Amino acid sequence: MQVIETFVCQLYGKPSHTSVDKVRYDKVKQCFKDKKASSSNFPDLPKPENNRWRLNSSGGLEIKWFSKDFIPKELQDILPDTLGTDDALEKELQDDDFSSHEESISDTDDEL
């Protein structure tokens, strides 16, 4: 087995090494070593505030979902006024009868 490792080390260009793991480690280390690159050569990153993010009161970032109206003004007049309000949504949820749906789920579970 040692002969094979020595041969592989020679393939990697390190004839003085006898451990393939050591040669691979050295290769990876060489590829990712600190190149002392100047940060002035890096491209400027765009500000998150200009790219669908906003700063919250604690200084963290939040997603900015919409920057314009969700619905075009031409369509707003044909929708009911209660659409999208929290009270209307809560009333709709209270009015829905979910008990029949829950019973059908429990019946299906019993069959399994």
PDB file of N, CA and C in Angstrom:
ATOM      1  N   MET A   1       0.828  -1.202   0.000  1.00  0.00           N
ATOM      2  CA  MET A   1       0.000   0.000   0.000  1.00  0.00           C
ATOM      3  C   MET A   1       0.868   1.259   0.000  1.00  0.00           C
ATOM      4  N   GLN A   2       1.985   1.210   0.700  1.00  0.00           N
ATOM      5  CA  GLN A   2       2.878   2.361   0.782  1.00  0.00           C
ATOM      6  C   GLN A   2       3.460   2.726  -0.592  1.00  0.00           C
ATOM      7  N   VAL A   3       3.684   1.714  -1.424  1.00  0.00           N
ATOM      8  CA  VAL A   3       4.224   1.960  -2.761  1.00  0.00           C
ATOM      9  C   VAL A   3       3.219   2.751  -3.595  1.00  0.00           C
ATOM     10  N   ILE A   4       1.941   2.408  -3.447  1.00  0.00           N
ATOM     11  CA  ILE A   4       0.884   3.105  -4.194  1.00  0.00           C
ATOM     12  C   ILE A   4       0.793   4.554  -3.733  1.00  0.00           C
ATOM     13  N   GLU A   5       0.860   4.780  -2.412  1.00  0.00           N
ATOM     14  CA  GLU A   5       0.792   6.157  -1.904  1.00  0.00           C
ATOM     15  C   GLU A   5       1.974   6.981  -2.399  1.00  0.00           C
ATOM     16  N   THR A   6       3.148   6.400  -2.386  1.00  0.00           N
ATOM     17  CA  THR A   6       4.332   7.107  -2.878  1.00  0.00           C
ATOM     18  C   THR A   6       4.173   7.451  -4.354  1.00  0.00           C
ATOM     19  N   PHE A   7       3.616   6.531  -5.129  1.00  0.00           N
ATOM     20  CA  PHE A   7       3.380   6.768  -6.554  1.00  0.00           C
ATOM     21  C   PHE A   7       2.386   7.916  -6.760  1.00  0.00           C
ATOM     22  N   VAL A   8       1.306   7.925  -5.970  1.00  0.00           N
ATOM     23  CA  VAL A   8       0.299   8.989  -6.095  1.00  0.00           C
ATOM     24  C   VAL A   8       0.909  10.327  -5.697  1.00  0.00           C
ATOM     25  N   CYS A   9       1.747  10.334  -4.684  1.00  0.00           N
ATOM     26  CA  CYS A   9       2.423  11.573  -4.292  1.00  0.00           C
ATOM     27  C   CYS A   9       3.284  12.108  -5.438  1.00  0.00           C
ATOM     28  N   GLN A  10       3.933  11.197  -6.153  1.00  0.00           N
ATOM     29  CA  GLN A  10       4.729  11.613  -7.308  1.00  0.00           C
ATOM     30  C   GLN A  10       3.830  12.178  -8.408  1.00  0.00           C
ATOM     31  N   LEU A  11       2.624  11.591  -8.579  1.00  0.00           N
ATOM     32  CA  LEU A  11       1.673  12.130  -9.566  1.00  0.00           C
ATOM     33  C   LEU A  11       1.259  13.551  -9.213  1.00  0.00           C
ATOM     34  N   TYR A  12       1.129  13.815  -7.908  1.00  0.00           N
ATOM     35  CA  TYR A  12       0.774  15.156  -7.447  1.00  0.00           C
ATOM     36  C   TYR A  12       1.957  16.119  -7.540  1.00  0.00           C
ATOM     37  N   GLY A  13       3.130  15.624  -7.893  1.00  0.00           N
ATOM     38  CA  GLY A  13       4.299  16.489  -8.020  1.00  0.00           C
ATOM     39  C   GLY A  13       5.059  16.684  -6.729  1.00  0.00           C
ATOM     40  N   LYS A  14       4.879  15.791  -5.771  1.00  0.00           N
ATOM     41  CA  LYS A  14       5.575  15.871  -4.490  1.00  0.00           C
ATOM     42  C   LYS A  14       6.297  14.543  -4.237  1.00  0.00           C
ATOM     43  N   PRO A  15       7.394  14.288  -4.928  1.00  0.00           N
ATOM     44  CA  PRO A  15       8.065  12.990  -4.808  1.00  0.00           C
ATOM     45  C   PRO A  15       8.678  12.739  -3.427  1.00  0.00           C
ATOM     46  N   SER A  16       8.925  13.785  -2.659  1.00  0.00           N
ATOM     47  CA  SER A  16       9.533  13.582  -1.344  1.00  0.00           C
ATOM     48  C   SER A  16       8.500  13.172  -0.284  1.00  0.00           C
ATOM     49  N   HIS A  17       7.214  13.333  -0.564  1.00  0.00           N
ATOM     50  CA  HIS A  17       6.171  12.965   0.391  1.00  0.00           C
ATOM     51  C   HIS A  17       5.809  11.490   0.237  1.00  0.00           C
ATOM     52  N   THR A  18       5.292  10.913   1.324  1.00  0.00           N
ATOM     53  CA  THR A  18       4.837   9.519   1.273  1.00  0.00           C
ATOM     54  C   THR A  18       3.385   9.382   1.688  1.00  0.00           C
ATOM     55  N   SER A  19       2.741  10.470   2.131  1.00  0.00           N
ATOM     56  CA  SER A  19       1.346  10.436   2.564  1.00  0.00           C
ATOM     57  C   SER A  19       0.484  11.213   1.571  1.00  0.00           C
ATOM     58  N   VAL A  20      -0.471  10.536   0.975  1.00  0.00           N
ATOM     59  CA  VAL A  20      -1.372  11.182   0.029  1.00  0.00           C
ATOM     60  C   VAL A  20      -2.204  12.249   0.739  1.00  0.00           C
ATOM     61  N   ASP A  21      -2.637  11.942   1.966  1.00  0.00           N
ATOM     62  CA  ASP A  21      -3.435  12.914   2.718  1.00  0.00           C
ATOM     63  C   ASP A  21      -2.655  14.213   2.942  1.00  0.00           C
ATOM     64  N   LYS A  22      -1.377  14.100   3.276  1.00  0.00           N
ATOM     65  CA  LYS A  22      -0.541  15.288   3.501  1.00  0.00           C
ATOM     66  C   LYS A  22      -0.386  16.089   2.203  1.00  0.00           C
ATOM     67  N   VAL A  23      -0.194  15.400   1.083  1.00  0.00           N
ATOM     68  CA  VAL A  23      -0.047  16.088  -0.203  1.00  0.00           C
ATOM     69  C   VAL A  23      -1.340  16.804  -0.571  1.00  0.00           C
ATOM     70  N   ARG A  24      -2.469  16.145  -0.384  1.00  0.00           N
ATOM     71  CA  ARG A  24      -3.764  16.773  -0.699  1.00  0.00           C
ATOM     72  C   ARG A  24      -4.002  17.980   0.204  1.00  0.00           C
ATOM     73  N   TYR A  25      -3.660  17.833   1.482  1.00  0.00           N
ATOM     74  CA  TYR A  25      -3.813  18.952   2.413  1.00  0.00           C
ATOM     75  C   TYR A  25      -2.963  20.145   1.961  1.00  0.00           C
ATOM     76  N   ASP A  26      -1.716  19.871   1.582  1.00  0.00           N
ATOM     77  CA  ASP A  26      -0.833  20.940   1.110  1.00  0.00           C
ATOM     78  C   ASP A  26      -1.376  21.606  -0.144  1.00  0.00           C
ATOM     79  N   LYS A  27      -1.960  20.824  -1.057  1.00  0.00           N
ATOM     80  CA  LYS A  27      -2.532  21.377  -2.293  1.00  0.00           C
ATOM     81  C   LYS A  27      -3.716  22.306  -1.982  1.00  0.00           C
ATOM     82  N   VAL A  28      -4.596  21.845  -1.092  1.00  0.00           N
ATOM     83  CA  VAL A  28      -5.762  22.667  -0.729  1.00  0.00           C
ATOM     84  C   VAL A  28      -5.300  23.928  -0.012  1.00  0.00           C
ATOM     85  N   LYS A  29      -4.360  23.778   0.887  1.00  0.00           N
ATOM     86  CA  LYS A  29      -3.833  24.924   1.632  1.00  0.00           C
ATOM     87  C   LYS A  29      -3.200  25.938   0.676  1.00  0.00           C
ATOM     88  N   GLN A  30      -2.493  25.453  -0.326  1.00  0.00           N
ATOM     89  CA  GLN A  30      -1.858  26.329  -1.304  1.00  0.00           C
ATOM     90  C   GLN A  30      -2.910  27.091  -2.125  1.00  0.00           C
ATOM     91  N   CYS A  31      -3.986  26.415  -2.471  1.00  0.00           N
ATOM     92  CA  CYS A  31      -5.033  27.065  -3.273  1.00  0.00           C
ATOM     93  C   CYS A  31      -5.761  28.161  -2.501  1.00  0.00           C
ATOM     94  N   PHE A  32      -5.920  27.964  -1.198  1.00  0.00           N
ATOM     95  CA  PHE A  32      -6.730  28.888  -0.410  1.00  0.00           C
ATOM     96  C   PHE A  32      -5.922  29.727   0.561  1.00  0.00           C
ATOM     97  N   LYS A  33      -4.632  29.785   0.403  1.00  0.00           N
ATOM     98  CA  LYS A  33      -3.822  30.572   1.321  1.00  0.00           C
ATOM     99  C   LYS A  33      -4.096  32.058   1.120  1.00  0.00           C
ATOM    100  N   ASP A  34      -3.755  32.808   2.144  1.00  0.00           N
ATOM    101  CA  ASP A  34      -3.959  34.253   2.122  1.00  0.00           C
ATOM    102  C   ASP A  34      -3.108  34.870   1.021  1.00  0.00           C
ATOM    103  N   LYS A  35      -3.753  35.512   0.094  1.00  0.00           N
ATOM    104  CA  LYS A  35      -3.050  36.088  -1.047  1.00  0.00           C
ATOM    105  C   LYS A  35      -2.705  37.554  -0.808  1.00  0.00           C
ATOM    106  N   LYS A  36      -3.088  38.060   0.354  1.00  0.00           N
ATOM    107  CA  LYS A  36      -2.825  39.457   0.703  1.00  0.00           C
ATOM    108  C   LYS A  36      -3.338  40.406  -0.390  1.00  0.00           C
ATOM    109  N   ALA A  37      -4.533  40.128  -0.847  1.00  0.00           N
ATOM    110  CA  ALA A  37      -5.144  40.951  -1.889  1.00  0.00           C
ATOM    111  C   ALA A  37      -5.692  42.231  -1.270  1.00  0.00           C
ATOM    112  N   SER A  38      -5.601  43.282  -1.997  1.00  0.00           N
ATOM    113  CA  SER A  38      -6.116  44.561  -1.538  1.00  0.00           C
ATOM    114  C   SER A  38      -7.634  44.591  -1.726  1.00  0.00           C
ATOM    115  N   SER A  39      -8.327  45.059  -0.707  1.00  0.00           N
ATOM    116  CA  SER A  39      -9.782  45.122  -0.820  1.00  0.00           C
ATOM    117  C   SER A  39     -10.225  46.156  -1.847  1.00  0.00           C
ATOM    118  N   SER A  40      -9.318  47.033  -2.257  1.00  0.00           N
ATOM    119  CA  SER A  40      -9.678  48.015  -3.277  1.00  0.00           C
ATOM    120  C   SER A  40      -9.881  47.358  -4.638  1.00  0.00           C
ATOM    121  N   ASN A  41      -9.385  46.134  -4.798  1.00  0.00           N
ATOM    122  CA  ASN A  41      -9.569  45.419  -6.063  1.00  0.00           C
ATOM    123  C   ASN A  41     -10.911  44.704  -6.140  1.00  0.00           C
ATOM    124  N   PHE A  42     -11.599  44.593  -5.015  1.00  0.00           N
ATOM    125  CA  PHE A  42     -12.894  43.919  -4.998  1.00  0.00           C
ATOM    126  C   PHE A  42     -13.961  44.851  -5.551  1.00  0.00           C
ATOM    127  N   PRO A  43     -14.995  44.301  -6.187  1.00  0.00           N
ATOM    128  CA  PRO A  43     -16.064  45.166  -6.706  1.00  0.00           C
ATOM    129  C   PRO A  43     -16.884  45.746  -5.555  1.00  0.00           C
ATOM    130  N   ASP A  44     -17.460  46.906  -5.801  1.00  0.00           N
ATOM    131  CA  ASP A  44     -18.327  47.521  -4.798  1.00  0.00           C
ATOM    132  C   ASP A  44     -19.620  46.719  -4.709  1.00  0.00           C
ATOM    133  N   LEU A  45     -20.028  46.418  -3.493  1.00  0.00           N
ATOM    134  CA  LEU A  45     -21.284  45.693  -3.282  1.00  0.00           C
ATOM    135  C   LEU A  45     -22.420  46.697  -3.167  1.00  0.00           C
ATOM    136  N   PRO A  46     -23.562  46.386  -3.758  1.00  0.00           N
ATOM    137  CA  PRO A  46     -24.694  47.312  -3.650  1.00  0.00           C
ATOM    138  C   PRO A  46     -25.241  47.321  -2.224  1.00  0.00           C
ATOM    139  N   LYS A  47     -25.805  48.437  -1.840  1.00  0.00           N
ATOM    140  CA  LYS A  47     -26.407  48.575  -0.517  1.00  0.00           C
ATOM    141  C   LYS A  47     -27.664  47.715  -0.448  1.00  0.00           C
ATOM    142  N   PRO A  48     -27.890  47.003   0.651  1.00  0.00           N
ATOM    143  CA  PRO A  48     -29.095  46.175   0.755  1.00  0.00           C
ATOM    144  C   PRO A  48     -30.375  47.008   0.734  1.00  0.00           C
ATOM    145  N   GLU A  49     -30.292  48.257   1.220  1.00  0.00           N
ATOM    146  CA  GLU A  49     -31.493  49.094   1.266  1.00  0.00           C
ATOM    147  C   GLU A  49     -32.017  49.405  -0.129  1.00  0.00           C
ATOM    148  N   ASN A  50     -31.166  49.350  -1.135  1.00  0.00           N
ATOM    149  CA  ASN A  50     -31.594  49.633  -2.502  1.00  0.00           C
ATOM    150  C   ASN A  50     -31.973  48.369  -3.263  1.00  0.00           C
ATOM    151  N   ASN A  51     -31.965  47.238  -2.592  1.00  0.00           N
ATOM    152  CA  ASN A  51     -32.222  45.963  -3.259  1.00  0.00           C
ATOM    153  C   ASN A  51     -33.231  45.120  -2.481  1.00  0.00           C
ATOM    154  N   ARG A  52     -34.386  45.680  -2.276  1.00  0.00           N
ATOM    155  CA  ARG A  52     -35.529  45.002  -1.653  1.00  0.00           C
ATOM    156  C   ARG A  52     -35.306  44.625  -0.192  1.00  0.00           C
ATOM    157  N   TRP A  53     -34.471  45.372   0.507  1.00  0.00           N
ATOM    158  CA  TRP A  53     -34.264  45.203   1.940  1.00  0.00           C
ATOM    159  C   TRP A  53     -34.409  46.566   2.594  1.00  0.00           C
ATOM    160  N   ARG A  54     -34.742  46.563   3.878  1.00  0.00           N
ATOM    161  CA  ARG A  54     -34.784  47.804   4.640  1.00  0.00           C
ATOM    162  C   ARG A  54     -34.307  47.518   6.057  1.00  0.00           C
ATOM    163  N   LEU A  55     -33.797  48.549   6.699  1.00  0.00           N
ATOM    164  CA  LEU A  55     -33.323  48.421   8.073  1.00  0.00           C
ATOM    165  C   LEU A  55     -34.493  48.570   9.019  1.00  0.00           C
ATOM    166  N   ASN A  56     -34.602  47.660   9.986  1.00  0.00           N
ATOM    167  CA  ASN A  56     -35.652  47.793  10.993  1.00  0.00           C
ATOM    168  C   ASN A  56     -35.133  48.629  12.154  1.00  0.00           C
ATOM    169  N   SER A  57     -35.943  48.822  13.173  1.00  0.00           N
ATOM    170  CA  SER A  57     -35.573  49.703  14.281  1.00  0.00           C
ATOM    171  C   SER A  57     -34.393  49.178  15.086  1.00  0.00           C
ATOM    172  N   SER A  58     -34.164  47.865  15.075  1.00  0.00           N
ATOM    173  CA  SER A  58     -33.035  47.306  15.830  1.00  0.00           C
ATOM    174  C   SER A  58     -31.758  47.234  14.992  1.00  0.00           C
ATOM    175  N   GLY A  59     -31.806  47.726  13.770  1.00  0.00           N
ATOM    176  CA  GLY A  59     -30.623  47.733  12.914  1.00  0.00           C
ATOM    177  C   GLY A  59     -30.476  46.499  12.049  1.00  0.00           C
ATOM    178  N   GLY A  60     -31.427  45.559  12.132  1.00  0.00           N
ATOM    179  CA  GLY A  60     -31.398  44.356  11.297  1.00  0.00           C
ATOM    180  C   GLY A  60     -32.057  44.607   9.954  1.00  0.00           C
ATOM    181  N   LEU A  61     -31.934  43.657   9.071  1.00  0.00           N
ATOM    182  CA  LEU A  61     -32.522  43.787   7.739  1.00  0.00           C
ATOM    183  C   LEU A  61     -33.852  43.050   7.660  1.00  0.00           C
ATOM    184  N   GLU A  62     -34.795  43.651   6.983  1.00  0.00           N
ATOM    185  CA  GLU A  62     -36.103  43.039   6.709  1.00  0.00           C
ATOM    186  C   GLU A  62     -36.346  43.077   5.207  1.00  0.00           C
ATOM    187  N   ILE A  63     -37.121  42.124   4.730  1.00  0.00           N
ATOM    188  CA  ILE A  63     -37.472  42.110   3.307  1.00  0.00           C
ATOM    189  C   ILE A  63     -38.468  43.225   3.029  1.00  0.00           C
ATOM    190  N   LYS A  64     -38.232  43.954   1.971  1.00  0.00           N
ATOM    191  CA  LYS A  64     -39.162  44.982   1.506  1.00  0.00           C
ATOM    192  C   LYS A  64     -39.967  44.344   0.385  1.00  0.00           C
ATOM    193  N   TRP A  65     -41.162  43.888   0.705  1.00  0.00           N
ATOM    194  CA  TRP A  65     -41.941  43.096  -0.244  1.00  0.00           C
ATOM    195  C   TRP A  65     -42.376  43.897  -1.449  1.00  0.00           C
ATOM    196  N   PHE A  66     -42.884  45.104  -1.226  1.00  0.00           N
ATOM    197  CA  PHE A  66     -43.400  45.896  -2.344  1.00  0.00           C
ATOM    198  C   PHE A  66     -42.900  47.317  -2.231  1.00  0.00           C
ATOM    199  N   SER A  67     -42.543  47.894  -3.353  1.00  0.00           N
ATOM    200  CA  SER A  67     -42.154  49.298  -3.359  1.00  0.00           C
ATOM    201  C   SER A  67     -43.252  50.151  -4.004  1.00  0.00           C
ATOM    202  N   LYS A  68     -44.126  49.511  -4.735  1.00  0.00           N
ATOM    203  CA  LYS A  68     -45.251  50.210  -5.377  1.00  0.00           C
ATOM    204  C   LYS A  68     -46.536  49.558  -4.893  1.00  0.00           C
ATOM    205  N   ASP A  69     -47.662  50.017  -5.416  1.00  0.00           N
ATOM    206  CA  ASP A  69     -48.944  49.431  -5.040  1.00  0.00           C
ATOM    207  C   ASP A  69     -48.991  47.967  -5.436  1.00  0.00           C
ATOM    208  N   PHE A  70     -49.587  47.164  -4.558  1.00  0.00           N
ATOM    209  CA  PHE A  70     -49.724  45.737  -4.829  1.00  0.00           C
ATOM    210  C   PHE A  70     -50.662  45.497  -5.998  1.00  0.00           C
ATOM    211  N   ILE A  71     -51.731  46.278  -6.043  1.00  0.00           N
ATOM    212  CA  ILE A  71     -52.726  46.157  -7.115  1.00  0.00           C
ATOM    213  C   ILE A  71     -52.743  47.481  -7.883  1.00  0.00           C
ATOM    214  N   PRO A  72     -52.736  47.435  -9.202  1.00  0.00           N
ATOM    215  CA  PRO A  72     -52.807  48.691  -9.959  1.00  0.00           C
ATOM    216  C   PRO A  72     -54.062  49.485  -9.605  1.00  0.00           C
ATOM    217  N   LYS A  73     -53.935  50.799  -9.612  1.00  0.00           N
ATOM    218  CA  LYS A  73     -55.057  51.660  -9.232  1.00  0.00           C
ATOM    219  C   LYS A  73     -56.280  51.431 -10.120  1.00  0.00           C
ATOM    220  N   GLU A  74     -56.054  51.013 -11.361  1.00  0.00           N
ATOM    221  CA  GLU A  74     -57.175  50.778 -12.264  1.00  0.00           C
ATOM    222  C   GLU A  74     -58.043  49.609 -11.782  1.00  0.00           C
ATOM    223  N   LEU A  75     -57.446  48.682 -11.033  1.00  0.00           N
ATOM    224  CA  LEU A  75     -58.199  47.516 -10.571  1.00  0.00           C
ATOM    225  C   LEU A  75     -58.738  47.678  -9.160  1.00  0.00           C
ATOM    226  N   GLN A  76     -58.261  48.653  -8.420  1.00  0.00           N
ATOM    227  CA  GLN A  76     -58.689  48.816  -7.031  1.00  0.00           C
ATOM    228  C   GLN A  76     -60.166  49.132  -6.908  1.00  0.00           C
ATOM    229  N   ASP A  77     -60.732  49.833  -7.870  1.00  0.00           N
ATOM    230  CA  ASP A  77     -62.135  50.226  -7.761  1.00  0.00           C
ATOM    231  C   ASP A  77     -63.098  49.068  -8.000  1.00  0.00           C
ATOM    232  N   ILE A  78     -62.658  47.985  -8.613  1.00  0.00           N
ATOM    233  CA  ILE A  78     -63.571  46.867  -8.855  1.00  0.00           C
ATOM    234  C   ILE A  78     -63.531  45.819  -7.742  1.00  0.00           C
ATOM    235  N   LEU A  79     -62.589  45.932  -6.816  1.00  0.00           N
ATOM    236  CA  LEU A  79     -62.495  44.995  -5.704  1.00  0.00           C
ATOM    237  C   LEU A  79     -63.316  45.500  -4.533  1.00  0.00           C
ATOM    238  N   PRO A  80     -63.864  44.592  -3.735  1.00  0.00           N
ATOM    239  CA  PRO A  80     -64.616  45.043  -2.556  1.00  0.00           C
ATOM    240  C   PRO A  80     -63.693  45.781  -1.586  1.00  0.00           C
ATOM    241  N   ASP A  81     -64.275  46.742  -0.876  1.00  0.00           N
ATOM    242  CA  ASP A  81     -63.483  47.543   0.061  1.00  0.00           C
ATOM    243  C   ASP A  81     -62.961  46.716   1.227  1.00  0.00           C
ATOM    244  N   THR A  82     -63.636  45.649   1.575  1.00  0.00           N
ATOM    245  CA  THR A  82     -63.243  44.850   2.739  1.00  0.00           C
ATOM    246  C   THR A  82     -62.136  43.860   2.419  1.00  0.00           C
ATOM    247  N   LEU A  83     -61.808  43.706   1.168  1.00  0.00           N
ATOM    248  CA  LEU A  83     -60.791  42.735   0.778  1.00  0.00           C
ATOM    249  C   LEU A  83     -59.427  43.132   1.338  1.00  0.00           C
ATOM    250  N   GLY A  84     -58.817  42.214   2.043  1.00  0.00           N
ATOM    251  CA  GLY A  84     -57.481  42.456   2.545  1.00  0.00           C
ATOM    252  C   GLY A  84     -57.418  43.060   3.934  1.00  0.00           C
ATOM    253  N   THR A  85     -58.554  43.440   4.516  1.00  0.00           N
ATOM    254  CA  THR A  85     -58.498  43.971   5.875  1.00  0.00           C
ATOM    255  C   THR A  85     -58.471  42.817   6.857  1.00  0.00           C
ATOM    256  N   ASP A  86     -57.840  43.039   7.979  1.00  0.00           N
ATOM    257  CA  ASP A  86     -57.711  41.985   8.989  1.00  0.00           C
ATOM    258  C   ASP A  86     -59.067  41.561   9.544  1.00  0.00           C
ATOM    259  N   ASP A  87     -59.980  42.523   9.727  1.00  0.00           N
ATOM    260  CA  ASP A  87     -61.305  42.195  10.270  1.00  0.00           C
ATOM    261  C   ASP A  87     -62.068  41.293   9.309  1.00  0.00           C
ATOM    262  N   ALA A  88     -62.007  41.596   8.025  1.00  0.00           N
ATOM    263  CA  ALA A  88     -62.727  40.794   7.035  1.00  0.00           C
ATOM    264  C   ALA A  88     -62.143  39.387   6.963  1.00  0.00           C
ATOM    265  N   LEU A  89     -60.836  39.277   7.040  1.00  0.00           N
ATOM    266  CA  LEU A  89     -60.196  37.974   6.981  1.00  0.00           C
ATOM    267  C   LEU A  89     -60.546  37.145   8.213  1.00  0.00           C
ATOM    268  N   GLU A  90     -60.536  37.775   9.367  1.00  0.00           N
ATOM    269  CA  GLU A  90     -60.878  37.048  10.592  1.00  0.00           C
ATOM    270  C   GLU A  90     -62.338  36.591  10.559  1.00  0.00           C
ATOM    271  N   LYS A  91     -63.237  37.441  10.079  1.00  0.00           N
ATOM    272  CA  LYS A  91     -64.650  37.064   9.980  1.00  0.00           C
ATOM    273  C   LYS A  91     -64.807  35.906   9.006  1.00  0.00           C
ATOM    274  N   GLU A  92     -64.092  35.940   7.900  1.00  0.00           N
ATOM    275  CA  GLU A  92     -64.167  34.865   6.910  1.00  0.00           C
ATOM    276  C   GLU A  92     -63.686  33.547   7.507  1.00  0.00           C
ATOM    277  N   LEU A  93     -62.636  33.601   8.287  1.00  0.00           N
ATOM    278  CA  LEU A  93     -62.133  32.386   8.915  1.00  0.00           C
ATOM    279  C   LEU A  93     -63.108  31.844   9.956  1.00  0.00           C
ATOM    280  N   GLN A  94     -63.778  32.734  10.674  1.00  0.00           N
ATOM    281  CA  GLN A  94     -64.765  32.295  11.656  1.00  0.00           C
ATOM    282  C   GLN A  94     -65.988  31.692  10.976  1.00  0.00           C
ATOM    283  N   ASP A  95     -66.364  32.243   9.823  1.00  0.00           N
ATOM    284  CA  ASP A  95     -67.537  31.756   9.109  1.00  0.00           C
ATOM    285  C   ASP A  95     -67.314  30.400   8.461  1.00  0.00           C
ATOM    286  N   ASP A  96     -66.095  30.102   8.078  1.00  0.00           N
ATOM    287  CA  ASP A  96     -65.807  28.820   7.426  1.00  0.00           C
ATOM    288  C   ASP A  96     -66.014  27.677   8.409  1.00  0.00           C
ATOM    289  N   ASP A  97     -66.573  26.593   7.897  1.00  0.00           N
ATOM    290  CA  ASP A  97     -66.819  25.417   8.721  1.00  0.00           C
ATOM    291  C   ASP A  97     -65.732  24.397   8.420  1.00  0.00           C
ATOM    292  N   PHE A  98     -64.764  24.321   9.311  1.00  0.00           N
ATOM    293  CA  PHE A  98     -63.658  23.393   9.123  1.00  0.00           C
ATOM    294  C   PHE A  98     -63.921  22.044   9.786  1.00  0.00           C
ATOM    295  N   SER A  99     -64.986  21.932  10.548  1.00  0.00           N
ATOM    296  CA  SER A  99     -65.227  20.693  11.282  1.00  0.00           C
ATOM    297  C   SER A  99     -65.451  19.508  10.347  1.00  0.00           C
ATOM    298  N   SER A 100     -66.149  19.704   9.220  1.00  0.00           N
ATOM    299  CA  SER A 100     -66.367  18.591   8.296  1.00  0.00           C
ATOM    300  C   SER A 100     -65.050  18.138   7.673  1.00  0.00           C
ATOM    301  N   HIS A 101     -64.150  19.078   7.433  1.00  0.00           N
ATOM    302  CA  HIS A 101     -62.842  18.747   6.866  1.00  0.00           C
ATOM    303  C   HIS A 101     -62.014  17.963   7.889  1.00  0.00           C
ATOM    304  N   GLU A 102     -62.079  18.361   9.156  1.00  0.00           N
ATOM    305  CA  GLU A 102     -61.324  17.666  10.198  1.00  0.00           C
ATOM    306  C   GLU A 102     -61.851  16.239  10.385  1.00  0.00           C
ATOM    307  N   GLU A 103     -63.176  16.065  10.271  1.00  0.00           N
ATOM    308  CA  GLU A 103     -63.749  14.726  10.416  1.00  0.00           C
ATOM    309  C   GLU A 103     -63.293  13.820   9.274  1.00  0.00           C
ATOM    310  N   SER A 104     -63.223  14.353   8.060  1.00  0.00           N
ATOM    311  CA  SER A 104     -62.800  13.530   6.927  1.00  0.00           C
ATOM    312  C   SER A 104     -61.332  13.137   7.066  1.00  0.00           C
ATOM    313  N   ILE A 105     -60.529  14.000   7.649  1.00  0.00           N
ATOM    314  CA  ILE A 105     -59.119  13.667   7.877  1.00  0.00           C
ATOM    315  C   ILE A 105     -59.007  12.563   8.921  1.00  0.00           C
ATOM    316  N   SER A 106     -59.776  12.664  10.005  1.00  0.00           N
ATOM    317  CA  SER A 106     -59.690  11.633  11.050  1.00  0.00           C
ATOM    318  C   SER A 106     -60.222  10.298  10.536  1.00  0.00           C
ATOM    319  N   ASP A 107     -61.232  10.310   9.646  1.00  0.00           N
ATOM    320  CA  ASP A 107     -61.730   9.064   9.059  1.00  0.00           C
ATOM    321  C   ASP A 107     -60.649   8.405   8.212  1.00  0.00           C
ATOM    322  N   THR A 108     -59.914   9.195   7.470  1.00  0.00           N
ATOM    323  CA  THR A 108     -58.836   8.675   6.629  1.00  0.00           C
ATOM    324  C   THR A 108     -57.720   8.089   7.489  1.00  0.00           C
ATOM    325  N   ASP A 109     -57.410   8.742   8.597  1.00  0.00           N
ATOM    326  CA  ASP A 109     -56.374   8.237   9.494  1.00  0.00           C
ATOM    327  C   ASP A 109     -56.770   6.889  10.098  1.00  0.00           C
ATOM    328  N   ASP A 110     -58.068   6.717  10.397  1.00  0.00           N
ATOM    329  CA  ASP A 110     -58.527   5.455  10.978  1.00  0.00           C
ATOM    330  C   ASP A 110     -58.374   4.304   9.996  1.00  0.00           C
ATOM    331  N   GLU A 111     -58.529   4.597   8.690  1.00  0.00           N
ATOM    332  CA  GLU A 111     -58.425   3.546   7.683  1.00  0.00           C
ATOM    333  C   GLU A 111     -56.996   3.056   7.516  1.00  0.00           C
ATOM    334  N   LEU A 112     -56.027   3.916   7.822  1.00  0.00           N
ATOM    335  CA  LEU A 112     -54.625   3.522   7.675  1.00  0.00           C
ATOM    336  C   LEU A 112     -54.270   2.607   8.797  1.00  0.00           C
TER     337      LEU A 112
END
